[in-house]
């Protein structure tokens, strides 16, 4: 299933996701905006992993004094995708 999540409180503006509905495996992630090195790195690290595992590892990560981060927003996007 392909979805687009509009991020909140981060430099990135959106996250494009492709998750296999049958297996819960992340096929691809692409951040729109944000720090390219970090967002590309995060996207490559989560490809091929189970949604639940990625959510548990990334949820709650903060960026400096911000209450969220691009990884945290990815966790929120994944939670919405499987809801």
PDB file of N, CA and C in Angstrom:
ATOM      1  N   UNK A   1       0.841  -1.157   0.000  1.00  0.00           N
ATOM      2  CA  UNK A   1       0.000   0.000   0.000  1.00  0.00           C
ATOM      3  C   UNK A   1       0.897   1.234   0.000  1.00  0.00           C
ATOM      4  N   UNK A   2       0.631   2.125  -0.927  1.00  0.00           N
ATOM      5  CA  UNK A   2       1.381   3.377  -1.001  1.00  0.00           C
ATOM      6  C   UNK A   2       0.558   4.484  -0.350  1.00  0.00           C
ATOM      7  N   UNK A   3       1.206   5.264   0.520  1.00  0.00           N
ATOM      8  CA  UNK A   3       0.539   6.376   1.184  1.00  0.00           C
ATOM      9  C   UNK A   3       1.486   7.560   1.270  1.00  0.00           C
ATOM     10  N   UNK A   4       0.906   8.733   1.469  1.00  0.00           N
ATOM     11  CA  UNK A   4       1.677   9.947   1.705  1.00  0.00           C
ATOM     12  C   UNK A   4       1.211  10.528   3.036  1.00  0.00           C
ATOM     13  N   UNK A   5       2.162  10.793   3.909  1.00  0.00           N
ATOM     14  CA  UNK A   5       1.882  11.346   5.236  1.00  0.00           C
ATOM     15  C   UNK A   5       2.459  12.749   5.289  1.00  0.00           C
ATOM     16  N   UNK A   6       1.644  13.727   5.648  1.00  0.00           N
ATOM     17  CA  UNK A   6       2.123  15.094   5.814  1.00  0.00           C
ATOM     18  C   UNK A   6       2.676  15.246   7.219  1.00  0.00           C
ATOM     19  N   UNK A   7       3.968  15.548   7.299  1.00  0.00           N
ATOM     20  CA  UNK A   7       4.636  15.633   8.596  1.00  0.00           C
ATOM     21  C   UNK A   7       4.246  16.911   9.342  1.00  0.00           C
ATOM     22  N   UNK A   8       4.477  16.880  10.640  1.00  0.00           N
ATOM     23  CA  UNK A   8       4.167  18.008  11.515  1.00  0.00           C
ATOM     24  C   UNK A   8       5.365  18.297  12.400  1.00  0.00           C
ATOM     25  N   UNK A   9       5.834  19.542  12.406  1.00  0.00           N
ATOM     26  CA  UNK A   9       6.892  19.942  13.313  1.00  0.00           C
ATOM     27  C   UNK A   9       8.301  19.583  12.901  1.00  0.00           C
ATOM     28  N   UNK A  10       8.509  19.249  11.621  1.00  0.00           N
ATOM     29  CA  UNK A  10       9.846  18.892  11.144  1.00  0.00           C
ATOM     30  C   UNK A  10      10.186  19.664   9.877  1.00  0.00           C
ATOM     31  N   UNK A  11      11.441  19.617   9.509  1.00  0.00           N
ATOM     32  CA  UNK A  11      11.882  20.260   8.261  1.00  0.00           C
ATOM     33  C   UNK A  11      11.316  19.540   7.044  1.00  0.00           C
ATOM     34  N   UNK A  12      11.176  18.228   7.128  1.00  0.00           N
ATOM     35  CA  UNK A  12      10.563  17.498   6.016  1.00  0.00           C
ATOM     36  C   UNK A  12       9.079  17.859   5.961  1.00  0.00           C
ATOM     37  N   UNK A  13       8.522  17.845   4.769  1.00  0.00           N
ATOM     38  CA  UNK A  13       7.130  18.241   4.571  1.00  0.00           C
ATOM     39  C   UNK A  13       6.187  17.046   4.451  1.00  0.00           C
ATOM     40  N   UNK A  14       6.710  15.917   4.000  1.00  0.00           N
ATOM     41  CA  UNK A  14       5.877  14.723   3.809  1.00  0.00           C
ATOM     42  C   UNK A  14       6.770  13.490   3.764  1.00  0.00           C
ATOM     43  N   UNK A  15       6.115  12.332   3.929  1.00  0.00           N
ATOM     44  CA  UNK A  15       6.803  11.045   3.805  1.00  0.00           C
ATOM     45  C   UNK A  15       5.962  10.164   2.895  1.00  0.00           C
ATOM     46  N   UNK A  16       6.594   9.651   1.857  1.00  0.00           N
ATOM     47  CA  UNK A  16       5.928   8.726   0.942  1.00  0.00           C
ATOM     48  C   UNK A  16       6.328   7.313   1.337  1.00  0.00           C
ATOM     49  N   UNK A  17       5.316   6.472   1.602  1.00  0.00           N
ATOM     50  CA  UNK A  17       5.549   5.106   2.089  1.00  0.00           C
ATOM     51  C   UNK A  17       4.994   4.070   1.131  1.00  0.00           C
ATOM     52  N   UNK A  18       5.661   2.932   1.078  1.00  0.00           N
ATOM     53  CA  UNK A  18       5.117   1.759   0.404  1.00  0.00           C
ATOM     54  C   UNK A  18       5.331   0.583   1.345  1.00  0.00           C
ATOM     55  N   UNK A  19       4.225   0.061   1.890  1.00  0.00           N
ATOM     56  CA  UNK A  19       4.271  -1.050   2.839  1.00  0.00           C
ATOM     57  C   UNK A  19       3.491  -2.214   2.248  1.00  0.00           C
ATOM     58  N   UNK A  20       4.044  -3.409   2.325  1.00  0.00           N
ATOM     59  CA  UNK A  20       3.358  -4.608   1.858  1.00  0.00           C
ATOM     60  C   UNK A  20       2.267  -4.963   2.864  1.00  0.00           C
ATOM     61  N   UNK A  21       1.015  -4.897   2.445  1.00  0.00           N
ATOM     62  CA  UNK A  21      -0.115  -5.163   3.337  1.00  0.00           C
ATOM     63  C   UNK A  21      -0.095  -6.583   3.907  1.00  0.00           C
ATOM     64  N   UNK A  22       0.318  -7.530   3.103  1.00  0.00           N
ATOM     65  CA  UNK A  22       0.273  -8.930   3.521  1.00  0.00           C
ATOM     66  C   UNK A  22       1.333  -9.266   4.570  1.00  0.00           C
ATOM     67  N   UNK A  23       2.521  -8.683   4.425  1.00  0.00           N
ATOM     68  CA  UNK A  23       3.629  -9.055   5.306  1.00  0.00           C
ATOM     69  C   UNK A  23       3.972  -8.003   6.355  1.00  0.00           C
ATOM     70  N   UNK A  24       3.531  -6.756   6.142  1.00  0.00           N
ATOM     71  CA  UNK A  24       3.901  -5.675   7.058  1.00  0.00           C
ATOM     72  C   UNK A  24       5.341  -5.238   6.898  1.00  0.00           C
ATOM     73  N   UNK A  25       5.913  -5.537   5.738  1.00  0.00           N
ATOM     74  CA  UNK A  25       7.300  -5.171   5.451  1.00  0.00           C
ATOM     75  C   UNK A  25       7.324  -3.848   4.681  1.00  0.00           C
ATOM     76  N   UNK A  26       8.264  -2.989   5.041  1.00  0.00           N
ATOM     77  CA  UNK A  26       8.414  -1.692   4.376  1.00  0.00           C
ATOM     78  C   UNK A  26       9.175  -1.900   3.064  1.00  0.00           C
ATOM     79  N   UNK A  27       8.527  -1.552   1.949  1.00  0.00           N
ATOM     80  CA  UNK A  27       9.182  -1.652   0.641  1.00  0.00           C
ATOM     81  C   UNK A  27      10.029  -0.424   0.346  1.00  0.00           C
ATOM     82  N   UNK A  28       9.500   0.755   0.662  1.00  0.00           N
ATOM     83  CA  UNK A  28      10.264   1.980   0.415  1.00  0.00           C
ATOM     84  C   UNK A  28       9.728   3.121   1.268  1.00  0.00           C
ATOM     85  N   UNK A  29      10.613   4.071   1.523  1.00  0.00           N
ATOM     86  CA  UNK A  29      10.296   5.305   2.240  1.00  0.00           C
ATOM     87  C   UNK A  29      11.035   6.424   1.533  1.00  0.00           C
ATOM     88  N   UNK A  30      10.342   7.540   1.312  1.00  0.00           N
ATOM     89  CA  UNK A  30      10.993   8.712   0.746  1.00  0.00           C
ATOM     90  C   UNK A  30      10.480   9.953   1.468  1.00  0.00           C
ATOM     91  N   UNK A  31      11.411  10.703   2.047  1.00  0.00           N
ATOM     92  CA  UNK A  31      11.071  11.955   2.702  1.00  0.00           C
ATOM     93  C   UNK A  31      11.061  13.065   1.663  1.00  0.00           C
ATOM     94  N   UNK A  32      10.114  13.976   1.798  1.00  0.00           N
ATOM     95  CA  UNK A  32      10.056  15.157   0.946  1.00  0.00           C
ATOM     96  C   UNK A  32      10.563  16.320   1.783  1.00  0.00           C
ATOM     97  N   UNK A  33      11.745  16.826   1.460  1.00  0.00           N
ATOM     98  CA  UNK A  33      12.373  17.872   2.248  1.00  0.00           C
ATOM     99  C   UNK A  33      13.157  17.277   3.395  1.00  0.00           C
ATOM    100  N   UNK A  34      13.635  18.139   4.274  1.00  0.00           N
ATOM    101  CA  UNK A  34      14.433  17.680   5.403  1.00  0.00           C
ATOM    102  C   UNK A  34      15.907  17.613   5.049  1.00  0.00           C
ATOM    103  N   UNK A  35      16.704  17.127   5.964  1.00  0.00           N
ATOM    104  CA  UNK A  35      18.147  16.997   5.767  1.00  0.00           C
ATOM    105  C   UNK A  35      18.420  15.757   4.927  1.00  0.00           C
ATOM    106  N   UNK A  36      18.867  15.925   3.687  1.00  0.00           N
ATOM    107  CA  UNK A  36      18.978  14.784   2.769  1.00  0.00           C
ATOM    108  C   UNK A  36      19.783  13.608   3.304  1.00  0.00           C
ATOM    109  N   UNK A  37      20.940  13.869   3.896  1.00  0.00           N
ATOM    110  CA  UNK A  37      21.760  12.760   4.381  1.00  0.00           C
ATOM    111  C   UNK A  37      21.044  11.937   5.430  1.00  0.00           C
ATOM    112  N   UNK A  38      20.398  12.607   6.361  1.00  0.00           N
ATOM    113  CA  UNK A  38      19.696  11.905   7.433  1.00  0.00           C
ATOM    114  C   UNK A  38      18.461  11.176   6.920  1.00  0.00           C
ATOM    115  N   UNK A  39      17.646  11.859   6.119  1.00  0.00           N
ATOM    116  CA  UNK A  39      16.400  11.226   5.686  1.00  0.00           C
ATOM    117  C   UNK A  39      16.645  10.085   4.711  1.00  0.00           C
ATOM    118  N   UNK A  40      17.632  10.226   3.848  1.00  0.00           N
ATOM    119  CA  UNK A  40      17.969   9.125   2.936  1.00  0.00           C
ATOM    120  C   UNK A  40      18.510   7.944   3.735  1.00  0.00           C
ATOM    121  N   UNK A  41      19.353   8.238   4.736  1.00  0.00           N
ATOM    122  CA  UNK A  41      19.901   7.171   5.573  1.00  0.00           C
ATOM    123  C   UNK A  41      18.821   6.425   6.331  1.00  0.00           C
ATOM    124  N   UNK A  42      17.905   7.149   6.953  1.00  0.00           N
ATOM    125  CA  UNK A  42      16.808   6.513   7.684  1.00  0.00           C
ATOM    126  C   UNK A  42      15.976   5.664   6.725  1.00  0.00           C
ATOM    127  N   UNK A  43      15.662   6.213   5.565  1.00  0.00           N
ATOM    128  CA  UNK A  43      14.845   5.486   4.583  1.00  0.00           C
ATOM    129  C   UNK A  43      15.511   4.175   4.171  1.00  0.00           C
ATOM    130  N   UNK A  44      16.819   4.195   3.967  1.00  0.00           N
ATOM    131  CA  UNK A  44      17.514   2.958   3.575  1.00  0.00           C
ATOM    132  C   UNK A  44      17.591   1.952   4.714  1.00  0.00           C
ATOM    133  N   UNK A  45      17.735   2.456   5.933  1.00  0.00           N
ATOM    134  CA  UNK A  45      17.837   1.548   7.079  1.00  0.00           C
ATOM    135  C   UNK A  45      16.534   0.814   7.382  1.00  0.00           C
ATOM    136  N   UNK A  46      15.396   1.425   7.080  1.00  0.00           N
ATOM    137  CA  UNK A  46      14.121   0.788   7.419  1.00  0.00           C
ATOM    138  C   UNK A  46      13.578  -0.087   6.295  1.00  0.00           C
ATOM    139  N   UNK A  47      14.102   0.061   5.090  1.00  0.00           N
ATOM    140  CA  UNK A  47      13.622  -0.755   3.970  1.00  0.00           C
ATOM    141  C   UNK A  47      13.847  -2.237   4.267  1.00  0.00           C
ATOM    142  N   UNK A  48      12.797  -3.035   4.060  1.00  0.00           N
ATOM    143  CA  UNK A  48      12.882  -4.474   4.285  1.00  0.00           C
ATOM    144  C   UNK A  48      12.593  -4.907   5.712  1.00  0.00           C
ATOM    145  N   UNK A  49      12.270  -3.958   6.575  1.00  0.00           N
ATOM    146  CA  UNK A  49      11.993  -4.284   7.975  1.00  0.00           C
ATOM    147  C   UNK A  49      10.501  -4.270   8.254  1.00  0.00           C
ATOM    148  N   UNK A  50      10.120  -4.911   9.341  1.00  0.00           N
ATOM    149  CA  UNK A  50       8.715  -4.954   9.746  1.00  0.00           C
ATOM    150  C   UNK A  50       8.296  -3.603  10.333  1.00  0.00           C
ATOM    151  N   UNK A  51       7.090  -3.193   9.980  1.00  0.00           N
ATOM    152  CA  UNK A  51       6.545  -1.913  10.421  1.00  0.00           C
ATOM    153  C   UNK A  51       6.590  -1.789  11.942  1.00  0.00           C
ATOM    154  N   UNK A  52       6.142  -2.800  12.658  1.00  0.00           N
ATOM    155  CA  UNK A  52       6.074  -2.742  14.113  1.00  0.00           C
ATOM    156  C   UNK A  52       7.451  -2.537  14.737  1.00  0.00           C
ATOM    157  N   UNK A  53       8.480  -3.181  14.167  1.00  0.00           N
ATOM    158  CA  UNK A  53       9.837  -3.037  14.691  1.00  0.00           C
ATOM    159  C   UNK A  53      10.341  -1.609  14.515  1.00  0.00           C
ATOM    160  N   UNK A  54      10.068  -1.034  13.349  1.00  0.00           N
ATOM    161  CA  UNK A  54      10.518   0.333  13.067  1.00  0.00           C
ATOM    162  C   UNK A  54       9.793   1.328  13.966  1.00  0.00           C
ATOM    163  N   UNK A  55       8.496   1.146  14.148  1.00  0.00           N
ATOM    164  CA  UNK A  55       7.742   2.039  15.030  1.00  0.00           C
ATOM    165  C   UNK A  55       8.332   2.023  16.433  1.00  0.00           C
ATOM    166  N   UNK A  56       8.591   0.834  16.967  1.00  0.00           N
ATOM    167  CA  UNK A  56       9.092   0.742  18.339  1.00  0.00           C
ATOM    168  C   UNK A  56      10.477   1.367  18.496  1.00  0.00           C
ATOM    169  N   UNK A  57      11.273   1.374  17.454  1.00  0.00           N
ATOM    170  CA  UNK A  57      12.612   1.944  17.547  1.00  0.00           C
ATOM    171  C   UNK A  57      12.646   3.452  17.316  1.00  0.00           C
ATOM    172  N   UNK A  58      11.736   3.979  16.508  1.00  0.00           N
ATOM    173  CA  UNK A  58      11.815   5.385  16.125  1.00  0.00           C
ATOM    174  C   UNK A  58      10.862   6.305  16.875  1.00  0.00           C
ATOM    175  N   UNK A  59       9.760   5.766  17.375  1.00  0.00           N
ATOM    176  CA  UNK A  59       8.762   6.612  18.025  1.00  0.00           C
ATOM    177  C   UNK A  59       9.352   7.297  19.256  1.00  0.00           C
ATOM    178  N   UNK A  60       9.122   8.597  19.352  1.00  0.00           N
ATOM    179  CA  UNK A  60       9.560   9.362  20.510  1.00  0.00           C
ATOM    180  C   UNK A  60      10.915  10.039  20.352  1.00  0.00           C
ATOM    181  N   UNK A  61      11.620   9.786  19.260  1.00  0.00           N
ATOM    182  CA  UNK A  61      12.907  10.456  19.034  1.00  0.00           C
ATOM    183  C   UNK A  61      12.637  11.933  18.777  1.00  0.00           C
ATOM    184  N   UNK A  62      13.428  12.778  19.424  1.00  0.00           N
ATOM    185  CA  UNK A  62      13.261  14.226  19.281  1.00  0.00           C
ATOM    186  C   UNK A  62      14.434  14.804  18.498  1.00  0.00           C
ATOM    187  N   UNK A  63      14.199  15.954  17.880  1.00  0.00           N
ATOM    188  CA  UNK A  63      15.238  16.690  17.162  1.00  0.00           C
ATOM    189  C   UNK A  63      15.516  17.958  17.954  1.00  0.00           C
ATOM    190  N   UNK A  64      16.603  17.961  18.711  1.00  0.00           N
ATOM    191  CA  UNK A  64      16.920  19.112  19.548  1.00  0.00           C
ATOM    192  C   UNK A  64      15.818  19.367  20.554  1.00  0.00           C
ATOM    193  N   UNK A  65      15.315  20.590  20.566  1.00  0.00           N
ATOM    194  CA  UNK A  65      14.251  20.957  21.494  1.00  0.00           C
ATOM    195  C   UNK A  65      12.852  20.714  20.920  1.00  0.00           C
ATOM    196  N   UNK A  66      12.782  20.275  19.683  1.00  0.00           N
ATOM    197  CA  UNK A  66      11.480  19.996  19.068  1.00  0.00           C
ATOM    198  C   UNK A  66      10.866  18.761  19.724  1.00  0.00           C
ATOM    199  N   UNK A  67       9.547  18.707  19.812  1.00  0.00           N
ATOM    200  CA  UNK A  67       8.902  17.542  20.428  1.00  0.00           C
ATOM    201  C   UNK A  67       8.853  16.319  19.509  1.00  0.00           C
ATOM    202  N   UNK A  68       9.353  16.452  18.287  1.00  0.00           N
ATOM    203  CA  UNK A  68       9.318  15.362  17.315  1.00  0.00           C
ATOM    204  C   UNK A  68      10.576  15.426  16.456  1.00  0.00           C
ATOM    205  N   UNK A  69      10.671  14.539  15.477  1.00  0.00           N
ATOM    206  CA  UNK A  69      11.807  14.484  14.556  1.00  0.00           C
ATOM    207  C   UNK A  69      11.346  13.770  13.298  1.00  0.00           C
ATOM    208  N   UNK A  70      12.193  13.739  12.283  1.00  0.00           N
ATOM    209  CA  UNK A  70      11.840  12.991  11.071  1.00  0.00           C
ATOM    210  C   UNK A  70      11.656  11.495  11.373  1.00  0.00           C
ATOM    211  N   UNK A  71      12.541  10.862  12.175  1.00  0.00           N
ATOM    212  CA  UNK A  71      12.289   9.460  12.518  1.00  0.00           C
ATOM    213  C   UNK A  71      10.977   9.261  13.281  1.00  0.00           C
ATOM    214  N   UNK A  72      10.676  10.154  14.220  1.00  0.00           N
ATOM    215  CA  UNK A  72       9.417  10.055  14.964  1.00  0.00           C
ATOM    216  C   UNK A  72       8.227  10.229  14.013  1.00  0.00           C
ATOM    217  N   UNK A  73       8.340  11.149  13.081  1.00  0.00           N
ATOM    218  CA  UNK A  73       7.258  11.347  12.120  1.00  0.00           C
ATOM    219  C   UNK A  73       7.095  10.123  11.219  1.00  0.00           C
ATOM    220  N   UNK A  74       8.193   9.442  10.909  1.00  0.00           N
ATOM    221  CA  UNK A  74       8.090   8.194  10.153  1.00  0.00           C
ATOM    222  C   UNK A  74       7.322   7.158  10.970  1.00  0.00           C
ATOM    223  N   UNK A  75       7.584   7.071  12.261  1.00  0.00           N
ATOM    224  CA  UNK A  75       6.839   6.147  13.121  1.00  0.00           C
ATOM    225  C   UNK A  75       5.347   6.492  13.101  1.00  0.00           C
ATOM    226  N   UNK A  76       5.021   7.774  13.159  1.00  0.00           N
ATOM    227  CA  UNK A  76       3.613   8.190  13.120  1.00  0.00           C
ATOM    228  C   UNK A  76       2.990   7.847  11.764  1.00  0.00           C
ATOM    229  N   UNK A  77       3.741   8.037  10.701  1.00  0.00           N
ATOM    230  CA  UNK A  77       3.240   7.706   9.362  1.00  0.00           C
ATOM    231  C   UNK A  77       2.966   6.214   9.238  1.00  0.00           C
ATOM    232  N   UNK A  78       3.859   5.405   9.793  1.00  0.00           N
ATOM    233  CA  UNK A  78       3.668   3.947   9.742  1.00  0.00           C
ATOM    234  C   UNK A  78       2.472   3.515  10.575  1.00  0.00           C
ATOM    235  N   UNK A  79       2.290   4.136  11.736  1.00  0.00           N
ATOM    236  CA  UNK A  79       1.131   3.818  12.558  1.00  0.00           C
ATOM    237  C   UNK A  79      -0.165   4.135  11.804  1.00  0.00           C
ATOM    238  N   UNK A  80      -0.183   5.263  11.123  1.00  0.00           N
ATOM    239  CA  UNK A  80      -1.363   5.633  10.345  1.00  0.00           C
ATOM    240  C   UNK A  80      -1.566   4.663   9.183  1.00  0.00           C
ATOM    241  N   UNK A  81      -0.482   4.241   8.565  1.00  0.00           N
ATOM    242  CA  UNK A  81      -0.575   3.344   7.396  1.00  0.00           C
ATOM    243  C   UNK A  81      -1.178   1.986   7.766  1.00  0.00           C
ATOM    244  N   UNK A  82      -0.898   1.500   8.973  1.00  0.00           N
ATOM    245  CA  UNK A  82      -1.406   0.174   9.339  1.00  0.00           C
ATOM    246  C   UNK A  82      -2.715   0.236  10.104  1.00  0.00           C
ATOM    247  N   UNK A  83      -3.178   1.449  10.412  1.00  0.00           N
ATOM    248  CA  UNK A  83      -4.434   1.586  11.160  1.00  0.00           C
ATOM    249  C   UNK A  83      -5.641   1.255  10.291  1.00  0.00           C
TER     250      UNK A  83
END
